Every structure is written in C-alpha cells, then in structure tokens.
Amino acid sequence: MPFVVTENCIKCKHTDCVEVCPVDCFHEGPNFLVIDPDECIDCTLCEPECPVNAIYPEDDVPAGQEVFVGLNAELAKEWPVLAVRKDPPPDAAEWDGKPGKLALLER
C-alpha cells in the first residue's frame, strides 16, 4: 500500500520527507510533491517527517481527499524525481492547515 501526499502539501511543500526516502519515490511540481505509487515501498519513513501532516497510507487518506490518490500517480509520471531536501516556500507556514487548496495546485 503506497503512501499519498494530500492537500496540505499544496503551497507548503516541505521536503523533509524526501531526505528519508530510500527509493527516491518523491516527485516535485511547482508547489506540491507527490509519491510515485509504483516506486513506494511502504517503508513508513516519510509520514512522520512531514511537518504539515500531509502524507498518509493510501487506505488512510482522509475523507474528501481521495482524489489525491490518483493525482499522485498521474503527476509522478510527469514531474521530476526529487531526492534532496530544499527549503520550503517562504510563506509555507501561512498555508499550513488552510482548506480548499486543490484549486491552487500548479501543474
């Protein structure tokens, strides 16, 4: 069961999770990260590293955020792999916990 990056990552895009991934399954877009479900080995290392609690096992994705299961799979095919930590956007803290960010996802 792969892990899934959900809505709270949008415009927060912390990359602490990327550093601990042993298989480089994270892919980076302009303002969001995704996990490639075909590469994820379900090691659980990334989930506790996310400072905005945006990573969940696929079966535990919060109600109303199921669309992110498909988005992670789709966008992982389009976006480049990210294997090193980067600084989050300067306004990341302002976006943490704000609902309705799906419309702000940049492809």
N, C-alpha and C. Protein backbone atom coordinates (compact mmCIF):
# COMPACT_ATOMS: atom_id res chain seq x y z
N MET A 1 0.85 -1.18 0.00
CA MET A 1 0.00 0.00 0.00
C MET A 1 0.90 1.24 0.00
N PRO A 2 0.90 2.00 -1.07
CA PRO A 2 1.76 3.18 -1.14
C PRO A 2 1.25 4.33 -0.26
N PHE A 3 2.12 5.25 -0.03
CA PHE A 3 1.76 6.46 0.69
C PHE A 3 1.35 7.52 -0.32
N VAL A 4 0.55 8.49 0.15
CA VAL A 4 -0.03 9.52 -0.72
C VAL A 4 0.19 10.88 -0.09
N VAL A 5 0.60 11.85 -0.90
CA VAL A 5 0.71 13.23 -0.44
C VAL A 5 -0.64 13.89 -0.70
N THR A 6 -1.18 14.57 0.31
CA THR A 6 -2.52 15.14 0.22
C THR A 6 -2.49 16.68 0.21
N GLU A 7 -3.66 17.24 0.27
CA GLU A 7 -3.88 18.67 0.06
C GLU A 7 -3.00 19.61 0.88
N ASN A 8 -2.72 19.28 2.10
CA ASN A 8 -2.00 20.24 2.93
C ASN A 8 -0.58 20.52 2.44
N CYS A 9 -0.06 19.69 1.56
CA CYS A 9 1.27 19.95 0.98
C CYS A 9 1.23 21.11 -0.01
N ILE A 10 0.09 21.34 -0.63
CA ILE A 10 -0.01 22.39 -1.64
C ILE A 10 0.37 23.73 -1.02
N LYS A 11 1.33 24.40 -1.63
CA LYS A 11 1.86 25.70 -1.23
C LYS A 11 2.67 25.65 0.07
N CYS A 12 2.75 24.48 0.70
CA CYS A 12 3.64 24.31 1.87
C CYS A 12 4.94 23.69 1.39
N LYS A 13 4.84 22.58 0.69
CA LYS A 13 5.93 21.86 0.03
C LYS A 13 7.22 21.78 0.85
N HIS A 14 7.09 21.28 2.05
CA HIS A 14 8.28 20.95 2.83
C HIS A 14 8.87 19.69 2.21
N THR A 15 10.16 19.54 2.26
CA THR A 15 10.78 18.38 1.63
C THR A 15 11.56 17.51 2.62
N ASP A 16 11.23 17.62 3.88
CA ASP A 16 11.87 16.78 4.90
C ASP A 16 11.67 15.29 4.57
N CYS A 17 10.51 14.97 4.02
CA CYS A 17 10.15 13.60 3.67
C CYS A 17 11.08 13.02 2.61
N VAL A 18 11.53 13.85 1.71
CA VAL A 18 12.36 13.42 0.60
C VAL A 18 13.70 12.86 1.09
N GLU A 19 14.24 13.48 2.11
CA GLU A 19 15.55 13.07 2.63
C GLU A 19 15.58 11.64 3.16
N VAL A 20 14.46 11.18 3.70
CA VAL A 20 14.45 9.87 4.34
C VAL A 20 14.00 8.74 3.41
N CYS A 21 13.53 9.09 2.22
CA CYS A 21 13.01 8.08 1.30
C CYS A 21 14.18 7.25 0.73
N PRO A 22 14.16 5.94 0.96
CA PRO A 22 15.26 5.10 0.47
C PRO A 22 15.19 4.77 -1.02
N VAL A 23 14.07 5.07 -1.67
CA VAL A 23 13.92 4.68 -3.08
C VAL A 23 13.64 5.87 -4.01
N ASP A 24 13.74 7.07 -3.51
CA ASP A 24 13.53 8.27 -4.34
C ASP A 24 12.20 8.24 -5.09
N CYS A 25 11.11 8.04 -4.35
CA CYS A 25 9.80 7.97 -4.99
C CYS A 25 9.06 9.31 -5.01
N PHE A 26 9.68 10.37 -4.47
CA PHE A 26 9.04 11.69 -4.48
C PHE A 26 9.32 12.41 -5.79
N HIS A 27 8.30 13.11 -6.27
CA HIS A 27 8.41 13.91 -7.48
C HIS A 27 7.94 15.32 -7.13
N GLU A 28 8.61 16.31 -7.74
CA GLU A 28 8.36 17.70 -7.38
C GLU A 28 7.69 18.47 -8.51
N GLY A 29 6.61 19.15 -8.13
CA GLY A 29 5.96 20.09 -9.03
C GLY A 29 6.19 21.50 -8.52
N PRO A 30 5.59 22.49 -9.16
CA PRO A 30 5.83 23.88 -8.77
C PRO A 30 5.49 24.19 -7.31
N ASN A 31 4.38 23.63 -6.79
CA ASN A 31 4.01 23.96 -5.42
C ASN A 31 3.47 22.76 -4.64
N PHE A 32 3.91 21.55 -5.03
CA PHE A 32 3.36 20.33 -4.43
C PHE A 32 4.33 19.19 -4.69
N LEU A 33 4.34 18.21 -3.81
CA LEU A 33 5.10 16.98 -4.00
C LEU A 33 4.13 15.82 -4.18
N VAL A 34 4.55 14.79 -4.88
CA VAL A 34 3.76 13.57 -4.98
C VAL A 34 4.66 12.37 -4.77
N ILE A 35 4.04 11.25 -4.46
CA ILE A 35 4.74 9.99 -4.29
C ILE A 35 4.33 9.07 -5.44
N ASP A 36 5.33 8.49 -6.10
CA ASP A 36 5.06 7.53 -7.16
C ASP A 36 4.62 6.22 -6.51
N PRO A 37 3.36 5.81 -6.71
CA PRO A 37 2.87 4.60 -6.05
C PRO A 37 3.57 3.33 -6.53
N ASP A 38 4.14 3.37 -7.74
CA ASP A 38 4.85 2.20 -8.25
C ASP A 38 6.24 2.05 -7.66
N GLU A 39 6.80 3.15 -7.16
CA GLU A 39 8.14 3.13 -6.57
C GLU A 39 8.11 3.02 -5.04
N CYS A 40 7.04 3.49 -4.43
CA CYS A 40 6.93 3.49 -2.96
C CYS A 40 6.99 2.06 -2.43
N ILE A 41 7.85 1.85 -1.43
CA ILE A 41 7.99 0.52 -0.84
C ILE A 41 7.32 0.44 0.53
N ASP A 42 6.50 1.42 0.85
CA ASP A 42 5.73 1.42 2.09
C ASP A 42 6.59 1.31 3.34
N CYS A 43 7.71 2.00 3.32
CA CYS A 43 8.65 1.90 4.44
C CYS A 43 8.19 2.71 5.66
N THR A 44 7.27 3.62 5.48
CA THR A 44 6.69 4.48 6.53
C THR A 44 7.61 5.60 7.02
N LEU A 45 8.80 5.73 6.44
CA LEU A 45 9.74 6.73 6.94
C LEU A 45 9.30 8.17 6.66
N CYS A 46 8.62 8.39 5.56
CA CYS A 46 8.26 9.76 5.17
C CYS A 46 7.14 10.35 6.01
N GLU A 47 6.19 9.54 6.38
CA GLU A 47 4.99 10.05 7.06
C GLU A 47 5.31 10.89 8.30
N PRO A 48 6.14 10.41 9.23
CA PRO A 48 6.41 11.22 10.42
C PRO A 48 7.30 12.43 10.15
N GLU A 49 7.97 12.45 9.02
CA GLU A 49 8.86 13.58 8.69
C GLU A 49 8.11 14.79 8.15
N CYS A 50 6.87 14.61 7.71
CA CYS A 50 6.11 15.71 7.13
C CYS A 50 5.63 16.66 8.23
N PRO A 51 6.15 17.90 8.24
CA PRO A 51 5.79 18.83 9.31
C PRO A 51 4.35 19.36 9.22
N VAL A 52 3.68 19.10 8.09
CA VAL A 52 2.29 19.57 7.94
C VAL A 52 1.31 18.41 7.85
N ASN A 53 1.76 17.21 8.19
CA ASN A 53 0.90 16.02 8.21
C ASN A 53 0.10 15.84 6.93
N ALA A 54 0.80 15.87 5.81
CA ALA A 54 0.14 15.74 4.51
C ALA A 54 0.34 14.37 3.87
N ILE A 55 1.02 13.45 4.54
CA ILE A 55 1.31 12.14 3.96
C ILE A 55 0.56 11.06 4.74
N TYR A 56 -0.14 10.20 3.96
CA TYR A 56 -0.95 9.14 4.56
C TYR A 56 -0.78 7.85 3.77
N PRO A 57 -0.94 6.70 4.45
CA PRO A 57 -1.05 5.46 3.69
C PRO A 57 -2.30 5.55 2.81
N GLU A 58 -2.26 4.95 1.65
CA GLU A 58 -3.37 5.07 0.70
C GLU A 58 -4.72 4.72 1.33
N ASP A 59 -4.76 3.71 2.16
CA ASP A 59 -6.02 3.30 2.78
C ASP A 59 -6.49 4.25 3.88
N ASP A 60 -5.64 5.18 4.30
CA ASP A 60 -5.99 6.10 5.39
C ASP A 60 -6.11 7.54 4.94
N VAL A 61 -6.16 7.79 3.63
CA VAL A 61 -6.30 9.15 3.13
C VAL A 61 -7.61 9.71 3.70
N PRO A 62 -7.57 10.93 4.25
CA PRO A 62 -8.77 11.50 4.87
C PRO A 62 -9.95 11.60 3.89
N ALA A 63 -11.12 11.45 4.43
CA ALA A 63 -12.34 11.58 3.62
C ALA A 63 -12.34 12.92 2.91
N GLY A 64 -12.72 12.89 1.65
CA GLY A 64 -12.75 14.09 0.85
C GLY A 64 -11.45 14.37 0.11
N GLN A 65 -10.40 13.60 0.41
CA GLN A 65 -9.11 13.82 -0.25
C GLN A 65 -8.69 12.62 -1.10
N GLU A 66 -9.64 11.76 -1.38
CA GLU A 66 -9.34 10.56 -2.18
C GLU A 66 -8.80 10.90 -3.57
N VAL A 67 -9.14 12.07 -4.09
CA VAL A 67 -8.66 12.50 -5.41
C VAL A 67 -7.14 12.53 -5.46
N PHE A 68 -6.50 12.70 -4.32
CA PHE A 68 -5.04 12.78 -4.29
C PHE A 68 -4.36 11.44 -4.56
N VAL A 69 -5.08 10.34 -4.38
CA VAL A 69 -4.51 9.04 -4.73
C VAL A 69 -4.21 9.02 -6.23
N GLY A 70 -5.17 9.41 -7.03
CA GLY A 70 -4.98 9.46 -8.47
C GLY A 70 -4.02 10.54 -8.91
N LEU A 71 -4.08 11.70 -8.24
CA LEU A 71 -3.18 12.80 -8.59
C LEU A 71 -1.72 12.43 -8.36
N ASN A 72 -1.44 11.72 -7.26
CA ASN A 72 -0.06 11.31 -7.01
C ASN A 72 0.43 10.40 -8.14
N ALA A 73 -0.39 9.44 -8.53
CA ALA A 73 0.00 8.52 -9.60
C ALA A 73 0.18 9.25 -10.92
N GLU A 74 -0.74 10.13 -11.24
CA GLU A 74 -0.69 10.87 -12.50
C GLU A 74 0.51 11.81 -12.58
N LEU A 75 0.68 12.63 -11.55
CA LEU A 75 1.72 13.65 -11.59
C LEU A 75 3.12 13.07 -11.41
N ALA A 76 3.24 11.92 -10.76
CA ALA A 76 4.55 11.27 -10.62
C ALA A 76 5.11 10.89 -11.99
N LYS A 77 4.25 10.65 -12.95
CA LYS A 77 4.69 10.31 -14.30
C LYS A 77 5.17 11.54 -15.07
N GLU A 78 4.72 12.74 -14.63
CA GLU A 78 5.04 13.97 -15.34
C GLU A 78 6.17 14.78 -14.70
N TRP A 79 6.26 14.72 -13.39
CA TRP A 79 7.20 15.58 -12.67
C TRP A 79 8.52 14.86 -12.40
N PRO A 80 9.62 15.63 -12.26
CA PRO A 80 10.92 15.01 -12.00
C PRO A 80 11.06 14.50 -10.56
N VAL A 81 11.91 13.51 -10.40
CA VAL A 81 12.22 12.97 -9.07
C VAL A 81 12.93 14.05 -8.26
N LEU A 82 12.60 14.11 -6.99
CA LEU A 82 13.31 14.99 -6.06
C LEU A 82 13.91 14.10 -4.99
N ALA A 83 15.23 14.15 -4.85
CA ALA A 83 15.90 13.25 -3.91
C ALA A 83 16.67 13.99 -2.82
N VAL A 84 16.67 15.32 -2.86
CA VAL A 84 17.37 16.10 -1.83
C VAL A 84 16.42 17.15 -1.26
N ARG A 85 16.62 17.42 0.00
CA ARG A 85 15.79 18.40 0.69
C ARG A 85 16.05 19.81 0.16
N LYS A 86 14.98 20.59 0.07
CA LYS A 86 15.06 22.00 -0.31
C LYS A 86 14.34 22.81 0.76
N ASP A 87 14.62 24.09 0.81
CA ASP A 87 13.89 24.96 1.73
C ASP A 87 12.45 25.08 1.26
N PRO A 88 11.51 25.15 2.20
CA PRO A 88 10.11 25.33 1.81
C PRO A 88 9.89 26.77 1.31
N PRO A 89 8.77 27.01 0.65
CA PRO A 89 8.48 28.38 0.23
C PRO A 89 8.46 29.30 1.45
N PRO A 90 8.82 30.57 1.28
CA PRO A 90 8.88 31.49 2.42
C PRO A 90 7.54 31.66 3.14
N ASP A 91 6.44 31.48 2.43
CA ASP A 91 5.12 31.65 3.05
C ASP A 91 4.46 30.32 3.41
N ALA A 92 5.23 29.25 3.49
CA ALA A 92 4.68 27.92 3.75
C ALA A 92 3.85 27.88 5.04
N ALA A 93 4.31 28.50 6.09
CA ALA A 93 3.60 28.46 7.37
C ALA A 93 2.22 29.09 7.26
N GLU A 94 2.07 30.08 6.40
CA GLU A 94 0.77 30.74 6.22
C GLU A 94 -0.25 29.81 5.57
N TRP A 95 0.21 28.83 4.80
CA TRP A 95 -0.68 27.92 4.08
C TRP A 95 -0.99 26.65 4.84
N ASP A 96 -0.25 26.35 5.89
CA ASP A 96 -0.45 25.13 6.66
C ASP A 96 -1.85 25.09 7.26
N GLY A 97 -2.60 24.05 6.93
CA GLY A 97 -3.92 23.85 7.50
C GLY A 97 -5.06 24.56 6.79
N LYS A 98 -4.76 25.34 5.77
CA LYS A 98 -5.83 26.03 5.05
C LYS A 98 -6.55 25.02 4.15
N PRO A 99 -7.88 24.99 4.21
CA PRO A 99 -8.63 24.08 3.36
C PRO A 99 -8.81 24.64 1.94
N GLY A 100 -9.24 23.79 1.04
CA GLY A 100 -9.59 24.24 -0.30
C GLY A 100 -8.42 24.61 -1.17
N LYS A 101 -7.27 23.98 -0.96
CA LYS A 101 -6.08 24.35 -1.73
C LYS A 101 -5.96 23.60 -3.06
N LEU A 102 -6.80 22.63 -3.33
CA LEU A 102 -6.69 21.87 -4.56
C LEU A 102 -6.73 22.78 -5.79
N ALA A 103 -7.54 23.80 -5.76
CA ALA A 103 -7.64 24.74 -6.89
C ALA A 103 -6.33 25.50 -7.11
N LEU A 104 -5.46 25.52 -6.11
CA LEU A 104 -4.18 26.24 -6.20
C LEU A 104 -3.04 25.36 -6.69
N LEU A 105 -3.32 24.08 -6.90
CA LEU A 105 -2.28 23.16 -7.37
C LEU A 105 -1.80 23.58 -8.74
N GLU A 106 -0.50 23.80 -8.86
CA GLU A 106 0.10 24.17 -10.15
C GLU A 106 0.69 22.91 -10.78
N ARG A 107 0.38 22.75 -12.05
CA ARG A 107 0.90 21.57 -12.77
C ARG A 107 2.07 21.99 -13.60
